[in-house]
Amino acid sequence: MNGTPTPLVVSTPSRIEWAGVVFLCVYALLPVWLLLRSPRTSDAWVFFGVITPLFLIGALYLAFRQLTYRIVATEDGISWRLWQSSGQAMWADVRDYYNEASNRRSSGYNSKIVAGRTSIGFNIRWTHSAELKAAVERHATAAKAKAWGCLGARDEDGWPQTFGYSLRKAKRSLNTLVSCVVLVIGGDGWLATFCMVARHKDGFSIAMFGFTALVLTLYGALISTSPWLTYKELRRRKSESIIVDRETLTFTSGEDVTAASWSDVIDYYWTTSVGGILKISNQARVETRSGPICFFFEIDDCPRLTKIVETYATNAAHHKWRTVSACESLEPRQSPWNGDSGGKRYSYRSRTVRILLAIPAVYVIAPFVVAASQYCLGLPVATTRLCWIGGPSLLLLGYGLAVFYRSAIVLDDNEITKITPFGKTRVVWNDVTEVKVNLGELIGGSFVKSERRTLPISSLLNNVADLIAEIQKHAVNATIRKDA
């Protein structure tokens, strides 16, 4: 590329990462405040030496991403600056471009541009990602692909494709189990050591370290069940494989073979594991007229396989992967669209929200555990410091619980209603002028807009894909915008 051609598109990581920078900096400055108040106490120096660098490293990384990461498309070609590489290439050098499923449910994906030997990655959370993809599709005429599609499910990809279970993953899972056991033993040893060397002047920091060790111990014991279940499943399924092409889906296990055409697929979903403490969704079931075809989530290239099923099983009852309990029936359920139900309700009671609520909950519980530890050790309780740690977390947890139990979006045949802890907002379907769909942004990526108001649609809502589909079906007068 000669000179400095005018950029067509400049794509950078989502600006919401700046909020993460501010959050990390605030928590990094808390030990500094403690140090200024009590410069001669060793516990303040311990907090300053341990906590501040950890939060600052995270803040610096996010700031570095925002200031340096970018992908620029021009009339001549494409240039990029990322962590792993930087450079530029002519459009004729772009060999391929595709979407790659980022998880086994195919609910998210990363986009990649292959220029020479370099793979340039980004996702829909990047700014102007849709415009960048349109520019690549328009100018990269020499590429293998002619349009954006999911890797493995495109016409340009090789067929048939075989998916099996690798013993390498079984060994990796066993190594993870050993690491979890070491984490538990190390946490117990750390806790015992600090309890034995406790001193009055170091009471606060020792109690905090004791609480951290206890959390590590419980967390290690909890997650140890996951790699053990994974290891057992991989050993049991080592002879199984799934072969797919454009017409059929075939499951083989030794001499047992189950084959079905894509038109014979009735439904597909993830089932909830009933073993262990974690209850992870580990088995996929594809219901066909020839019988069920099941596979474990540790199968090779599982995101690609699930995307292929989602793409070709067009006659299935549902068109997105979902999770059902192991005992749920496949009998059709009564539609909630009737006069007695009051509409269809989508709440924030999802697994992701529960996990997010656990973070402030830990910081709310921590001061009570630390205070109890100090009291039992005969040490003075650091009330002020504990309030500074637990107070903001308690407010955040309270708001999160209010959203969890109160907030929802309700649809009926006449209107869409958004319920928040502060009230309700309604928009009649006939008044909706625009619907934007971008499930990559947690907050504000999707919205329903009328002339008078805008209703943001969060990706944290339960069954948000079904919600978007219902909105598009009822907002017949609206313009639909999708950021792919």
Foldseek 3Di string as FASTA:
>chain_A
DPDDFDFPDKKAAAPCLVVLLVVLQVQLCPLVVVCVVPVPFVQSVVCNVPRNVVSNVVSVVSVCRRVFFIWTQGLFWIWTTDDVDTDIAGLQQFAAKEWEQPALQSPATWIWICGNNDIDIDGLNIPCLLVVQVRSLVRNPNYLDNHYYYPLQDPSDDPWDKWAFDVVVLVVLVVLLVVLVVQLVVLVVQLVVLLVPDDQSNQLNSLLSNLVSVVSNVVSVQCSFVSVVVNVVSVVRRQWMWIDDLFKIWIDRPPDIFMDGLQQFAAKEFEFDPDGDPRHRFKIWTQGPRGIDMDGRNIPSSNSVSVNSLVRNPNYPDSGYYYDYPPDDPPDDDDCADDVNQFDKWALQDPVLVVVLVVLVSQQVSLVSSQVSCVVSVYDRPVVVSCVRNVVSVVVNVQSVQRRPWWIWGDYLFWIWTTHSVGIDIDGLQQFAAWEDDLVAQWQNTWTDGPPDIGIDGNSIPPVVVVSVVSPVRNVNYHYHYSD
